[in-house]
Protein backbone atom coordinates (compact mmCIF):
# COMPACT_ATOMS: atom_id res chain seq x y z
CA MET A 1 -115.75 170.74 67.18
CA ALA A 2 -113.38 168.82 65.11
CA ALA A 3 -115.54 169.05 61.17
CA ASP A 4 -116.73 165.74 60.23
CA LEU A 5 -114.21 163.91 57.75
CA ASN A 6 -116.28 160.53 57.25
CA GLN A 7 -117.56 161.90 53.83
CA SER A 8 -114.03 163.70 53.53
CA ARG A 9 -110.72 161.74 51.88
CA LEU A 10 -109.05 164.39 50.80
CA VAL A 11 -108.25 167.28 52.65
CA LEU A 12 -106.35 170.26 52.67
CA VAL A 13 -105.74 173.06 55.49
CA SER A 14 -103.47 176.21 54.31
CA GLY A 15 -102.77 179.44 55.95
CA PRO A 16 -100.04 181.55 56.66
CA SER A 17 -96.76 181.20 59.01
CA ARG A 18 -97.93 180.03 62.61
CA GLY A 19 -101.62 180.68 61.65
CA GLY A 20 -102.13 177.65 63.20
CA LYS A 21 -102.95 175.08 59.93
CA SER A 22 -100.71 172.32 61.51
CA ARG A 23 -102.68 172.32 64.78
CA TRP A 24 -106.05 172.57 62.99
CA ALA A 25 -104.92 169.92 60.78
CA GLU A 26 -103.61 167.02 63.92
CA HIS A 27 -107.02 168.18 65.53
CA LEU A 28 -108.86 166.94 62.42
CA LEU A 29 -107.13 163.38 63.07
CA SER A 30 -107.47 163.84 67.13
CA GLU A 31 -109.79 160.71 66.96
CA ASP A 32 -108.37 158.42 64.78
CA LEU A 33 -106.76 155.66 66.17
CA ASP A 34 -104.27 155.10 63.66
CA VAL A 35 -102.37 158.08 61.77
CA SER A 36 -99.39 158.69 59.52
CA TYR A 37 -97.71 161.61 59.72
CA VAL A 38 -96.03 162.35 57.05
CA ALA A 39 -93.20 164.86 57.78
CA THR A 40 -92.00 166.64 54.55
CA SER A 41 -89.06 168.61 55.69
CA PRO A 42 -85.67 167.89 56.39
CA ASP A 43 -84.04 167.88 60.11
CA ARG A 44 -81.61 170.60 59.99
CA PRO A 45 -79.84 169.19 63.24
CA ASP A 46 -77.40 172.25 62.68
CA ASP A 47 -80.20 174.91 62.78
CA GLN A 48 -81.17 175.21 66.63
CA ASP A 49 -84.73 177.31 65.72
CA TRP A 50 -85.89 174.99 62.83
CA GLN A 51 -84.75 172.24 65.72
CA ALA A 52 -87.60 173.96 68.04
CA ARG A 53 -89.85 174.36 65.63
CA LEU A 54 -89.85 170.57 65.10
CA GLU A 55 -90.01 170.01 68.61
CA LEU A 56 -93.34 171.81 69.08
CA HIS A 57 -95.23 169.86 66.64
CA ARG A 58 -93.63 166.89 67.97
CA GLN A 59 -94.93 167.53 71.71
CA ARG A 60 -98.22 168.04 70.55
CA ARG A 61 -98.98 164.38 67.82
CA PRO A 62 -100.24 161.32 70.19
CA SER A 63 -97.38 159.41 70.70
CA HIS A 64 -99.32 156.95 68.41
CA TRP A 65 -99.26 158.76 65.81
CA ARG A 66 -96.42 156.45 62.72
CA LEU A 67 -93.74 159.29 61.95
CA VAL A 68 -93.16 158.65 58.12
CA GLU A 69 -90.51 160.52 56.95
CA ALA A 70 -90.68 161.91 52.87
CA ASP A 71 -88.12 163.23 51.01
CA ALA A 72 -88.24 164.65 47.39
CA ASP A 73 -90.12 161.45 47.16
CA LEU A 74 -93.27 162.54 48.58
CA THR A 75 -95.05 160.06 46.22
CA SER A 76 -93.15 156.86 47.28
CA ALA A 77 -93.22 157.45 50.76
CA LEU A 78 -97.04 157.91 50.71
CA ARG A 79 -97.00 153.90 49.22
CA THR A 80 -95.54 152.67 52.35
CA ILE A 81 -98.64 153.95 54.63
CA PRO A 82 -101.03 151.01 55.57
CA GLN A 83 -104.66 151.59 54.03
CA HIS A 84 -106.09 151.29 57.19
CA SER A 85 -103.97 154.40 58.62
CA SER A 86 -105.42 157.59 57.90
CA VAL A 87 -102.39 160.37 56.96
CA LEU A 88 -101.70 163.44 57.42
CA ILE A 89 -99.14 165.35 55.05
CA ASP A 90 -97.24 168.50 56.95
CA ALA A 91 -96.20 170.33 54.76
CA LEU A 92 -96.18 170.82 51.24
CA GLY A 93 -93.71 173.12 50.92
CA GLY A 94 -90.89 171.34 51.98
CA PHE A 95 -91.94 168.89 49.20
CA VAL A 96 -92.14 171.50 46.23
CA ALA A 97 -88.27 173.42 47.94
CA CYS A 98 -86.95 169.91 47.53
CA HIS A 99 -87.50 170.04 43.99
CA LEU A 100 -86.76 173.82 42.77
CA ASP A 101 -83.57 173.11 40.78
CA ASP A 102 -86.37 170.62 38.50
CA SER A 103 -87.11 171.48 35.40
CA ASP A 104 -90.85 172.52 34.67
CA GLU A 105 -91.08 169.28 33.01
CA VAL A 106 -89.96 166.98 35.70
CA TRP A 107 -91.97 169.32 38.13
CA ASN A 108 -94.96 168.60 36.52
CA GLU A 109 -94.31 165.21 36.40
CA CYS A 110 -93.95 164.94 39.79
CA CYS A 111 -97.33 166.73 40.79
CA ASN A 112 -99.06 164.86 38.71
CA GLY A 113 -97.56 161.34 39.77
CA LEU A 114 -98.83 162.91 43.51
CA ILE A 115 -101.85 163.73 42.57
CA GLN A 116 -102.03 160.50 41.05
CA GLN A 117 -101.18 158.83 44.20
CA LEU A 118 -103.80 161.16 46.55
CA ALA A 119 -106.44 160.47 44.32
CA GLY A 120 -105.24 156.50 44.52
CA MET A 121 -105.60 156.14 48.23
CA HIS A 122 -108.91 155.40 49.96
CA GLN A 123 -108.34 156.12 53.63
CA THR A 124 -108.62 160.48 54.67
CA CYS A 125 -105.62 162.62 54.09
CA VAL A 126 -104.94 165.64 55.63
CA LEU A 127 -102.39 167.92 53.65
CA VAL A 128 -101.14 171.41 54.81
CA ILE A 129 -99.95 173.41 52.07
CA GLU A 130 -98.28 176.70 53.30
CA GLU A 131 -99.41 180.17 52.30
CA THR A 132 -96.26 182.29 50.79
CA GLY A 133 -98.10 184.96 48.14
CA TRP A 134 -99.66 187.10 50.43
CA GLY A 135 -96.08 188.92 50.79
CA VAL A 136 -93.47 190.55 50.07
CA VAL A 137 -93.08 189.88 46.51
CA PRO A 138 -89.94 187.39 46.75
CA PRO A 139 -85.93 189.38 45.64
CA THR A 140 -84.55 186.08 44.58
CA ARG A 141 -85.99 184.38 41.23
CA ILE A 142 -85.78 180.71 43.67
CA GLY A 143 -88.37 182.10 46.13
CA GLY A 144 -90.49 183.29 43.02
CA ARG A 145 -90.64 179.70 41.45
CA PHE A 146 -91.31 178.28 45.36
CA ARG A 147 -94.15 180.72 45.87
CA ASP A 148 -95.09 180.15 42.18
CA ARG A 149 -95.30 176.41 42.46
CA LEU A 150 -96.64 175.82 46.21
CA GLY A 151 -99.61 178.89 45.13
CA SER A 152 -100.36 176.43 41.10
CA LEU A 153 -99.70 173.25 42.96
CA ALA A 154 -102.69 174.10 45.64
CA GLN A 155 -105.14 174.57 43.23
CA ARG A 156 -104.72 171.55 41.20
CA LEU A 157 -105.26 169.77 45.04
CA ASP A 158 -107.99 171.79 45.65
CA GLN A 159 -109.39 170.54 42.33
CA GLU A 160 -109.24 167.08 43.37
CA ALA A 161 -109.93 167.80 47.56
CA ASP A 162 -113.40 167.16 49.36
CA SER A 163 -112.97 170.18 52.09
CA ALA A 164 -110.65 172.76 52.36
CA TRP A 165 -109.32 174.86 54.76
CA LEU A 166 -107.25 178.32 55.68
CA VAL A 167 -106.63 178.66 58.53
CA LEU A 168 -105.79 182.31 60.06
CA GLN A 169 -104.66 183.82 63.46
CA GLY A 170 -105.52 180.95 64.91
CA ARG A 171 -108.78 180.00 63.41
CA ALA A 172 -110.18 177.84 60.54
CA ILE A 173 -112.57 179.13 57.89
CA ASP A 174 -114.19 176.62 54.91
CA LEU A 175 -113.14 177.63 52.12
CA HIS A 176 -115.53 175.31 50.13
CA SER A 177 -118.37 176.23 51.65
CA LEU A 178 -117.84 179.41 52.00
CA SER A 179 -116.81 179.74 48.21
CA GLN A 180 -116.41 180.30 44.19
CA ARG A 181 -114.38 178.36 42.34
CA VAL A 182 -112.73 181.38 40.11
CA PRO A 183 -113.05 180.81 36.79
C-alpha cells in the first residue's frame, strides 16, 4: 500500500545501496499522472556496471514520466519542472559528488539555494538520499567529505520534510511517525 502523499510536499527516502529506496520512491509516485524524474548522476558511458544500474531504473520507470537530467546545478534543473508535475529526485549523492571540490562557503550557498528552491515548490517532491555513514570510515579525505556533506544536507532537508522514510532490506520505515528528533 502506498503512503498517503496528499498532505506531503517534501518526502525524503533514504537508505543503503541496494536497499530498495529508489523502488520505494517510485512506488510513492506510481499513481501520479505527471512525474518529472530528476537524475543527478552523470551517465558514465564507459562504466558497464553503472550502465546496467541505470538500465534497471529506466525499465522500472513508467514511460510517461519526464526525465530531467541535472548536473551540479540541481536548483536550476528544478526550476524547469512544470508546477503541476510531481518530482522524484534520484538521488542526492550525485548532486553532492558534483560539489566535492567546492569550498565550504560555496557548498553552503549551494545547499541554501537548493533548500529554498524545494521550499518554494508546491508540488510533491520525493527526494532519494543515500545513507553512507553506516560502514567503513572512508580512507580518503574526499570520501569523508562526501559522507559528511551528504549526511549534513540530509539532516537539513529533514527539517523541511513532511515525511521521511528509511528503506533497507526491501522494507520501508516511516521515520517521522516512529522517531524523535535529536536535540
